[in-house]
């Protein structure tokens, strides 16, 4: 048996960077570890944390979610989007883990500025075989301006050897 979780229950919004190239985007930050058995938050010590390490090999169920806020403020047609993806050991992106939020607005009547704010709790659950000492993190892979997130969580549960 092995399980572990990371959260940020604070409700504080974290700004998303538009770092390029996107595969090297910022990691989602967690402030609080949940129950841990056979897993460890990284970096060690008091938070903030960006990764969780599984200490034994096996098949794991991995759930990740957060609340995304996308703000459009423009009198022009404008799209705002953000995508997150699970990474193993900072180098291996897990394509099927991608989760995203997207917002589109058209300008206000008569060219007047319009503002639309969408908040979406978005997430994904996958199953994946992991090796001992694999580190899991969630990274921003695509982001436009005016995107923030809050209440992130990352939960791993070993379901088979």
N, C-alpha and C. Protein backbone atom coordinates (compact mmCIF):
# COMPACT_ATOMS: atom_id res chain seq x y z
N UNK A 1 0.84 -1.17 0.00
CA UNK A 1 0.00 0.00 0.00
C UNK A 1 0.89 1.24 0.00
N UNK A 2 0.50 2.21 -0.81
CA UNK A 2 1.21 3.50 -0.86
C UNK A 2 0.22 4.56 -1.33
N UNK A 3 0.34 5.74 -0.75
CA UNK A 3 -0.52 6.86 -1.15
C UNK A 3 0.12 8.15 -0.68
N UNK A 4 -0.32 9.23 -1.27
CA UNK A 4 0.17 10.53 -0.86
C UNK A 4 -0.59 11.63 -1.58
N UNK A 5 -0.55 12.83 -1.00
CA UNK A 5 -1.25 13.94 -1.62
C UNK A 5 -0.60 15.26 -1.26
N UNK A 6 -0.78 16.21 -2.15
CA UNK A 6 -0.33 17.58 -1.95
C UNK A 6 -1.51 18.50 -2.28
N UNK A 7 -1.65 19.60 -1.51
CA UNK A 7 -2.76 20.53 -1.69
C UNK A 7 -2.27 21.96 -1.49
N UNK A 8 -3.11 22.90 -1.83
CA UNK A 8 -2.99 24.28 -1.36
C UNK A 8 -4.40 24.75 -1.01
N UNK A 9 -4.77 24.65 0.27
CA UNK A 9 -6.13 25.01 0.69
C UNK A 9 -6.31 26.51 0.93
N UNK A 10 -5.30 27.32 0.69
CA UNK A 10 -5.33 28.73 1.09
C UNK A 10 -6.34 29.58 0.32
N UNK A 11 -6.64 29.22 -0.90
CA UNK A 11 -7.53 30.04 -1.72
C UNK A 11 -6.83 31.19 -2.42
N UNK A 12 -5.52 31.32 -2.21
CA UNK A 12 -4.76 32.38 -2.89
C UNK A 12 -4.56 32.03 -4.35
N UNK A 13 -4.79 33.00 -5.23
CA UNK A 13 -4.55 32.79 -6.65
C UNK A 13 -3.06 32.91 -6.94
N UNK A 14 -2.56 32.01 -7.78
CA UNK A 14 -1.16 32.00 -8.21
C UNK A 14 -1.13 32.37 -9.69
N UNK A 15 -0.34 33.37 -10.04
CA UNK A 15 -0.24 33.79 -11.44
C UNK A 15 0.48 32.74 -12.25
N UNK A 16 -0.01 32.51 -13.46
CA UNK A 16 0.61 31.56 -14.38
C UNK A 16 1.55 32.33 -15.28
N UNK A 17 2.76 31.84 -15.39
CA UNK A 17 3.76 32.46 -16.23
C UNK A 17 3.54 32.03 -17.68
N UNK A 18 3.95 32.87 -18.60
CA UNK A 18 3.89 32.51 -20.02
C UNK A 18 5.29 32.18 -20.52
N UNK A 19 6.00 31.38 -19.73
CA UNK A 19 7.37 30.97 -20.04
C UNK A 19 7.40 30.21 -21.37
N UNK A 20 8.45 30.40 -22.14
CA UNK A 20 8.61 29.69 -23.40
C UNK A 20 9.98 29.02 -23.40
N UNK A 21 10.14 27.80 -23.91
CA UNK A 21 9.10 26.98 -24.50
C UNK A 21 8.16 26.43 -23.43
N UNK A 22 6.92 26.13 -23.81
CA UNK A 22 5.93 25.75 -22.82
C UNK A 22 6.26 24.49 -22.04
N UNK A 23 6.98 23.51 -22.64
CA UNK A 23 7.30 22.28 -21.92
C UNK A 23 8.17 22.56 -20.70
N UNK A 24 8.80 23.73 -20.67
CA UNK A 24 9.64 24.09 -19.52
C UNK A 24 8.91 25.08 -18.61
N UNK A 25 7.58 25.10 -18.68
CA UNK A 25 6.78 26.04 -17.90
C UNK A 25 6.86 25.78 -16.40
N UNK A 26 6.27 26.69 -15.67
CA UNK A 26 6.33 26.63 -14.21
C UNK A 26 5.58 25.43 -13.66
N UNK A 27 6.05 24.97 -12.50
CA UNK A 27 5.38 23.89 -11.80
C UNK A 27 4.26 24.47 -10.94
N UNK A 28 3.20 23.71 -10.81
CA UNK A 28 2.13 24.05 -9.87
C UNK A 28 2.69 23.90 -8.47
N UNK A 29 2.37 24.86 -7.60
CA UNK A 29 2.92 24.89 -6.25
C UNK A 29 1.85 24.47 -5.24
N UNK A 30 2.25 23.63 -4.29
CA UNK A 30 1.38 23.14 -3.22
C UNK A 30 1.96 23.59 -1.88
N UNK A 31 1.11 23.87 -0.92
CA UNK A 31 1.58 24.32 0.39
C UNK A 31 1.49 23.27 1.47
N UNK A 32 0.65 22.24 1.27
CA UNK A 32 0.31 21.34 2.36
C UNK A 32 0.35 19.88 1.90
N UNK A 33 1.13 19.03 2.60
CA UNK A 33 1.05 17.60 2.28
C UNK A 33 -0.16 16.99 2.99
N UNK A 34 -0.78 16.02 2.35
CA UNK A 34 -1.85 15.26 2.99
C UNK A 34 -1.23 14.02 3.62
N UNK A 35 -2.05 13.02 3.89
CA UNK A 35 -1.50 11.77 4.43
C UNK A 35 -0.50 11.15 3.45
N UNK A 36 0.56 10.60 3.98
CA UNK A 36 1.62 10.03 3.15
C UNK A 36 2.00 8.65 3.68
N UNK A 37 2.08 7.67 2.80
CA UNK A 37 2.61 6.35 3.13
C UNK A 37 3.26 5.83 1.87
N UNK A 38 4.57 5.64 1.90
CA UNK A 38 5.28 5.17 0.72
C UNK A 38 5.47 6.25 -0.34
N UNK A 39 5.27 7.51 0.05
CA UNK A 39 5.48 8.65 -0.84
C UNK A 39 6.13 9.77 -0.02
N UNK A 40 6.67 10.76 -0.71
CA UNK A 40 7.32 11.87 0.00
C UNK A 40 7.14 13.16 -0.79
N UNK A 41 6.82 14.27 -0.10
CA UNK A 41 6.74 15.55 -0.80
C UNK A 41 8.13 16.09 -1.06
N UNK A 42 8.28 16.82 -2.17
CA UNK A 42 9.57 17.41 -2.52
C UNK A 42 9.36 18.88 -2.86
N UNK A 43 10.31 19.74 -2.53
CA UNK A 43 11.52 19.43 -1.80
C UNK A 43 11.22 19.06 -0.35
N UNK A 44 12.15 18.34 0.31
CA UNK A 44 11.92 17.93 1.69
C UNK A 44 11.83 19.14 2.62
N UNK A 45 11.25 18.92 3.78
CA UNK A 45 11.12 20.00 4.75
C UNK A 45 9.79 20.70 4.61
N UNK A 46 9.68 21.86 5.25
CA UNK A 46 8.41 22.59 5.16
C UNK A 46 8.20 23.10 3.73
N UNK A 47 6.92 23.24 3.33
CA UNK A 47 6.57 23.67 1.97
C UNK A 47 7.10 25.04 1.66
N UNK A 48 6.89 25.51 0.45
CA UNK A 48 6.02 24.93 -0.56
C UNK A 48 6.64 23.73 -1.26
N UNK A 49 5.75 22.92 -1.85
CA UNK A 49 6.16 21.70 -2.53
C UNK A 49 5.78 21.79 -4.01
N UNK A 50 6.55 21.11 -4.85
CA UNK A 50 6.23 21.08 -6.28
C UNK A 50 6.12 19.65 -6.81
N UNK A 51 6.62 18.66 -6.08
CA UNK A 51 6.65 17.28 -6.55
C UNK A 51 6.24 16.34 -5.43
N UNK A 52 5.79 15.15 -5.83
CA UNK A 52 5.60 14.06 -4.89
C UNK A 52 6.36 12.86 -5.46
N UNK A 53 7.09 12.17 -4.59
CA UNK A 53 7.91 11.03 -5.00
C UNK A 53 7.25 9.75 -4.53
N UNK A 54 7.15 8.77 -5.44
CA UNK A 54 6.68 7.44 -5.03
C UNK A 54 7.90 6.61 -4.70
N UNK A 55 7.85 5.89 -3.58
CA UNK A 55 9.04 5.18 -3.10
C UNK A 55 9.10 3.73 -3.57
N UNK A 56 7.98 3.20 -4.08
CA UNK A 56 7.96 1.82 -4.57
C UNK A 56 7.34 1.77 -5.96
N UNK A 57 7.78 0.81 -6.75
CA UNK A 57 7.25 0.64 -8.10
C UNK A 57 5.86 0.03 -8.04
N UNK A 58 5.05 0.32 -9.05
CA UNK A 58 3.71 -0.26 -9.14
C UNK A 58 2.83 0.56 -10.06
N UNK A 59 1.56 0.17 -10.12
CA UNK A 59 0.56 0.91 -10.88
C UNK A 59 -0.12 1.88 -9.91
N UNK A 60 -0.16 3.14 -10.29
CA UNK A 60 -0.73 4.19 -9.44
C UNK A 60 -1.90 4.87 -10.14
N UNK A 61 -2.89 5.21 -9.34
CA UNK A 61 -3.93 6.12 -9.80
C UNK A 61 -3.50 7.52 -9.40
N UNK A 62 -3.49 8.42 -10.36
CA UNK A 62 -3.01 9.78 -10.14
C UNK A 62 -4.14 10.74 -10.48
N UNK A 63 -4.56 11.51 -9.50
CA UNK A 63 -5.61 12.51 -9.70
C UNK A 63 -5.03 13.89 -9.48
N UNK A 64 -5.37 14.81 -10.37
CA UNK A 64 -4.89 16.18 -10.25
C UNK A 64 -6.01 17.12 -10.64
N UNK A 65 -6.16 18.21 -9.90
CA UNK A 65 -7.16 19.20 -10.27
C UNK A 65 -6.82 20.54 -9.64
N UNK A 66 -7.50 21.57 -10.11
CA UNK A 66 -7.34 22.92 -9.58
C UNK A 66 -8.46 23.78 -10.13
N UNK A 67 -8.56 24.97 -9.60
CA UNK A 67 -9.51 25.95 -10.11
C UNK A 67 -8.73 26.98 -10.90
N UNK A 68 -9.07 27.12 -12.19
CA UNK A 68 -8.39 28.08 -13.06
C UNK A 68 -9.26 29.31 -13.22
N UNK A 69 -8.63 30.48 -13.27
CA UNK A 69 -9.34 31.73 -13.53
C UNK A 69 -8.73 32.37 -14.76
N UNK A 70 -9.58 32.62 -15.77
CA UNK A 70 -9.15 33.22 -17.02
C UNK A 70 -9.91 34.52 -17.18
N UNK A 71 -9.18 35.61 -17.35
CA UNK A 71 -9.82 36.92 -17.48
C UNK A 71 -9.51 37.48 -18.85
N UNK A 72 -10.55 37.91 -19.55
CA UNK A 72 -10.41 38.61 -20.81
C UNK A 72 -10.85 40.05 -20.59
N UNK A 73 -10.04 41.00 -20.96
CA UNK A 73 -10.42 42.41 -20.88
C UNK A 73 -9.97 43.06 -22.18
N UNK A 74 -10.90 43.23 -23.11
CA UNK A 74 -10.54 43.74 -24.42
C UNK A 74 -11.79 44.15 -25.17
N UNK A 75 -11.65 45.03 -26.13
CA UNK A 75 -12.76 45.33 -27.03
C UNK A 75 -12.58 44.61 -28.36
N UNK A 76 -11.66 43.65 -28.37
CA UNK A 76 -11.39 42.85 -29.56
C UNK A 76 -11.71 41.39 -29.25
N UNK A 77 -11.87 40.59 -30.31
CA UNK A 77 -12.00 39.16 -30.10
C UNK A 77 -10.72 38.65 -29.45
N UNK A 78 -10.86 37.84 -28.43
CA UNK A 78 -9.70 37.46 -27.63
C UNK A 78 -9.93 36.09 -27.02
N UNK A 79 -8.93 35.26 -27.03
CA UNK A 79 -9.00 33.94 -26.39
C UNK A 79 -8.03 33.89 -25.22
N UNK A 80 -8.44 33.24 -24.17
CA UNK A 80 -7.58 32.99 -23.03
C UNK A 80 -7.61 31.50 -22.76
N UNK A 81 -6.43 30.91 -22.54
CA UNK A 81 -6.40 29.48 -22.27
C UNK A 81 -5.23 29.12 -21.39
N UNK A 82 -5.35 27.96 -20.74
CA UNK A 82 -4.26 27.41 -19.95
C UNK A 82 -4.35 25.89 -20.04
N UNK A 83 -3.20 25.24 -20.13
CA UNK A 83 -3.12 23.78 -20.13
C UNK A 83 -2.09 23.35 -19.11
N UNK A 84 -2.41 22.28 -18.40
CA UNK A 84 -1.52 21.69 -17.41
C UNK A 84 -1.27 20.24 -17.81
N UNK A 85 -0.10 19.73 -17.44
CA UNK A 85 0.24 18.34 -17.76
C UNK A 85 1.11 17.75 -16.65
N UNK A 86 0.91 16.47 -16.39
CA UNK A 86 1.73 15.73 -15.44
C UNK A 86 3.08 15.41 -16.07
N UNK A 87 4.14 15.58 -15.30
CA UNK A 87 5.49 15.21 -15.72
C UNK A 87 6.07 14.21 -14.73
N UNK A 88 6.84 13.27 -15.24
CA UNK A 88 7.58 12.33 -14.39
C UNK A 88 9.04 12.71 -14.46
N UNK A 89 9.65 12.91 -13.31
CA UNK A 89 11.07 13.23 -13.17
C UNK A 89 11.47 14.47 -13.98
N UNK A 90 10.57 15.42 -14.11
CA UNK A 90 10.82 16.70 -14.78
C UNK A 90 11.10 16.58 -16.27
N UNK A 91 11.13 15.37 -16.82
CA UNK A 91 11.53 15.22 -18.22
C UNK A 91 10.51 14.49 -19.07
N UNK A 92 9.64 13.68 -18.49
CA UNK A 92 8.72 12.87 -19.27
C UNK A 92 7.30 13.42 -19.14
N UNK A 93 6.79 14.07 -20.20
CA UNK A 93 5.41 14.55 -20.15
C UNK A 93 4.45 13.38 -20.40
N UNK A 94 3.36 13.35 -19.66
CA UNK A 94 2.35 12.32 -19.83
C UNK A 94 1.19 12.94 -20.61
N UNK A 95 1.18 12.71 -21.92
CA UNK A 95 0.25 13.39 -22.81
C UNK A 95 -1.21 13.21 -22.41
N UNK A 96 -1.58 11.99 -21.99
CA UNK A 96 -2.98 11.73 -21.65
C UNK A 96 -3.41 12.39 -20.35
N UNK A 97 -2.49 13.03 -19.65
CA UNK A 97 -2.83 13.70 -18.39
C UNK A 97 -3.20 15.17 -18.58
N UNK A 98 -3.12 15.68 -19.79
CA UNK A 98 -3.36 17.10 -20.03
C UNK A 98 -4.78 17.50 -19.64
N UNK A 99 -4.89 18.60 -18.89
CA UNK A 99 -6.19 19.18 -18.61
C UNK A 99 -6.11 20.67 -18.84
N UNK A 100 -7.26 21.28 -19.23
CA UNK A 100 -7.19 22.64 -19.72
C UNK A 100 -8.46 23.42 -19.44
N UNK A 101 -8.35 24.73 -19.61
CA UNK A 101 -9.49 25.63 -19.56
C UNK A 101 -9.32 26.64 -20.68
N UNK A 102 -10.44 27.01 -21.29
CA UNK A 102 -10.42 27.89 -22.45
C UNK A 102 -11.58 28.87 -22.34
N UNK A 103 -11.35 30.11 -22.74
CA UNK A 103 -12.37 31.14 -22.68
C UNK A 103 -12.24 32.00 -23.94
N UNK A 104 -13.37 32.37 -24.53
CA UNK A 104 -13.35 33.23 -25.71
C UNK A 104 -14.33 34.38 -25.47
N UNK A 105 -13.95 35.55 -25.95
CA UNK A 105 -14.84 36.70 -25.87
C UNK A 105 -14.77 37.47 -27.16
N UNK A 106 -15.86 38.10 -27.52
CA UNK A 106 -15.85 39.06 -28.61
C UNK A 106 -16.01 40.43 -27.98
N UNK A 107 -15.57 41.46 -28.67
CA UNK A 107 -15.63 42.81 -28.12
C UNK A 107 -17.05 43.25 -27.79
N UNK A 108 -17.14 44.25 -26.94
CA UNK A 108 -18.44 44.77 -26.52
C UNK A 108 -19.14 45.51 -27.64
N UNK A 109 -20.40 45.83 -27.43
CA UNK A 109 -21.15 46.54 -28.46
C UNK A 109 -20.52 47.89 -28.78
N UNK A 110 -20.48 48.22 -30.08
CA UNK A 110 -19.93 49.51 -30.49
C UNK A 110 -18.46 49.67 -30.17
N UNK A 111 -17.72 48.56 -30.06
CA UNK A 111 -16.30 48.64 -29.76
C UNK A 111 -16.00 48.93 -28.30
N UNK A 112 -17.02 48.86 -27.44
CA UNK A 112 -16.81 49.10 -26.02
C UNK A 112 -16.07 47.91 -25.40
N UNK A 113 -15.20 48.17 -24.42
CA UNK A 113 -14.50 47.06 -23.77
C UNK A 113 -15.48 46.11 -23.08
N UNK A 114 -15.18 44.85 -23.15
CA UNK A 114 -15.94 43.83 -22.45
C UNK A 114 -14.99 43.07 -21.56
N UNK A 115 -15.50 42.53 -20.48
CA UNK A 115 -14.68 41.68 -19.63
C UNK A 115 -15.50 40.46 -19.26
N UNK A 116 -14.91 39.32 -19.45
CA UNK A 116 -15.53 38.06 -19.05
C UNK A 116 -14.53 37.33 -18.18
N UNK A 117 -14.99 36.80 -17.06
CA UNK A 117 -14.13 35.99 -16.20
C UNK A 117 -14.76 34.63 -16.09
N UNK A 118 -14.01 33.60 -16.40
CA UNK A 118 -14.44 32.22 -16.22
C UNK A 118 -13.56 31.57 -15.17
N UNK A 119 -14.17 30.86 -14.24
CA UNK A 119 -13.42 30.03 -13.30
C UNK A 119 -13.86 28.60 -13.55
N UNK A 120 -12.91 27.73 -13.74
CA UNK A 120 -13.21 26.34 -14.02
C UNK A 120 -12.38 25.46 -13.11
N UNK A 121 -13.02 24.55 -12.41
CA UNK A 121 -12.27 23.53 -11.71
C UNK A 121 -12.02 22.43 -12.72
N UNK A 122 -10.76 22.24 -13.00
CA UNK A 122 -10.39 21.31 -14.05
C UNK A 122 -9.45 20.27 -13.50
N UNK A 123 -9.49 19.08 -14.05
CA UNK A 123 -8.61 18.04 -13.56
C UNK A 123 -8.67 16.81 -14.42
N UNK A 124 -7.96 15.81 -13.94
CA UNK A 124 -7.82 14.58 -14.69
C UNK A 124 -7.40 13.48 -13.72
N UNK A 125 -7.83 12.25 -13.99
CA UNK A 125 -7.37 11.08 -13.26
C UNK A 125 -6.88 10.07 -14.27
N UNK A 126 -5.68 9.56 -14.04
CA UNK A 126 -5.11 8.55 -14.93
C UNK A 126 -4.53 7.42 -14.09
N UNK A 127 -4.21 6.31 -14.74
CA UNK A 127 -3.49 5.22 -14.11
C UNK A 127 -2.19 5.05 -14.88
N UNK A 128 -1.12 4.82 -14.14
CA UNK A 128 0.20 4.78 -14.78
C UNK A 128 1.14 3.89 -13.97
N UNK A 129 1.94 3.07 -14.65
CA UNK A 129 2.98 2.30 -13.97
C UNK A 129 4.14 3.24 -13.69
N UNK A 130 4.58 3.25 -12.45
CA UNK A 130 5.70 4.10 -12.03
C UNK A 130 6.81 3.24 -11.45
N UNK A 131 8.02 3.74 -11.55
CA UNK A 131 9.18 3.09 -10.95
C UNK A 131 9.44 3.69 -9.57
N UNK A 132 10.16 2.95 -8.75
CA UNK A 132 10.55 3.48 -7.44
C UNK A 132 11.33 4.77 -7.64
N UNK A 133 11.05 5.75 -6.81
CA UNK A 133 11.70 7.06 -6.79
C UNK A 133 11.31 7.97 -7.96
N UNK A 134 10.24 7.64 -8.69
CA UNK A 134 9.73 8.57 -9.69
C UNK A 134 9.13 9.78 -8.97
N UNK A 135 9.39 10.96 -9.54
CA UNK A 135 8.85 12.21 -8.99
C UNK A 135 7.77 12.73 -9.94
N UNK A 136 6.64 13.10 -9.38
CA UNK A 136 5.52 13.61 -10.18
C UNK A 136 5.33 15.09 -9.91
N UNK A 137 5.09 15.85 -10.97
CA UNK A 137 4.78 17.27 -10.83
C UNK A 137 3.81 17.66 -11.93
N UNK A 138 3.08 18.74 -11.69
CA UNK A 138 2.18 19.29 -12.69
C UNK A 138 2.80 20.57 -13.19
N UNK A 139 2.86 20.71 -14.51
CA UNK A 139 3.45 21.91 -15.10
C UNK A 139 2.45 22.60 -16.03
N UNK A 140 2.62 23.90 -16.13
CA UNK A 140 1.89 24.68 -17.12
C UNK A 140 2.58 24.44 -18.46
N UNK A 141 1.80 24.03 -19.47
CA UNK A 141 2.42 23.80 -20.78
C UNK A 141 1.98 24.83 -21.81
N UNK A 142 0.85 25.47 -21.60
CA UNK A 142 0.37 26.55 -22.46
C UNK A 142 -0.34 27.55 -21.59
N UNK A 143 -0.07 28.83 -21.80
CA UNK A 143 -0.78 29.85 -21.02
C UNK A 143 -0.79 31.15 -21.79
N UNK A 144 -1.93 31.81 -21.78
CA UNK A 144 -2.03 33.16 -22.30
C UNK A 144 -2.03 34.11 -21.11
N UNK A 145 -2.07 35.38 -21.38
CA UNK A 145 -2.03 36.39 -20.31
C UNK A 145 -3.27 36.29 -19.42
N UNK A 146 -3.17 36.81 -18.22
CA UNK A 146 -4.28 36.94 -17.28
C UNK A 146 -4.87 35.60 -16.85
N UNK A 147 -4.00 34.64 -16.53
CA UNK A 147 -4.44 33.34 -16.05
C UNK A 147 -3.86 33.12 -14.66
N UNK A 148 -4.71 32.67 -13.73
CA UNK A 148 -4.27 32.31 -12.39
C UNK A 148 -4.93 30.99 -12.00
N UNK A 149 -4.43 30.37 -10.92
CA UNK A 149 -5.06 29.15 -10.42
C UNK A 149 -5.04 29.17 -8.90
N UNK A 150 -5.91 28.34 -8.30
CA UNK A 150 -5.91 28.14 -6.85
C UNK A 150 -6.47 26.75 -6.55
N UNK A 151 -6.37 26.36 -5.30
CA UNK A 151 -6.84 25.05 -4.80
C UNK A 151 -6.29 23.86 -5.59
N UNK A 152 -5.00 23.83 -5.93
CA UNK A 152 -4.49 22.66 -6.64
C UNK A 152 -4.40 21.45 -5.70
N UNK A 153 -4.56 20.27 -6.27
CA UNK A 153 -4.32 19.04 -5.52
C UNK A 153 -3.73 18.00 -6.46
N UNK A 154 -2.90 17.16 -5.87
CA UNK A 154 -2.27 16.05 -6.56
C UNK A 154 -2.32 14.87 -5.62
N UNK A 155 -2.99 13.79 -6.03
CA UNK A 155 -3.18 12.61 -5.18
C UNK A 155 -2.69 11.38 -5.94
N UNK A 156 -1.84 10.57 -5.28
CA UNK A 156 -1.37 9.32 -5.88
C UNK A 156 -1.73 8.17 -4.94
N UNK A 157 -2.24 7.10 -5.54
CA UNK A 157 -2.61 5.90 -4.77
C UNK A 157 -2.14 4.67 -5.53
N UNK A 158 -1.36 3.83 -4.86
CA UNK A 158 -0.90 2.60 -5.50
C UNK A 158 -2.06 1.61 -5.54
N UNK A 159 -2.36 1.10 -6.74
CA UNK A 159 -3.50 0.20 -6.89
C UNK A 159 -3.08 -1.23 -7.27
N UNK A 160 -1.81 -1.42 -7.65
CA UNK A 160 -1.31 -2.76 -7.98
C UNK A 160 0.21 -2.75 -7.96
N UNK A 161 0.79 -3.91 -7.77
CA UNK A 161 2.25 -4.04 -7.80
C UNK A 161 2.78 -4.08 -9.21
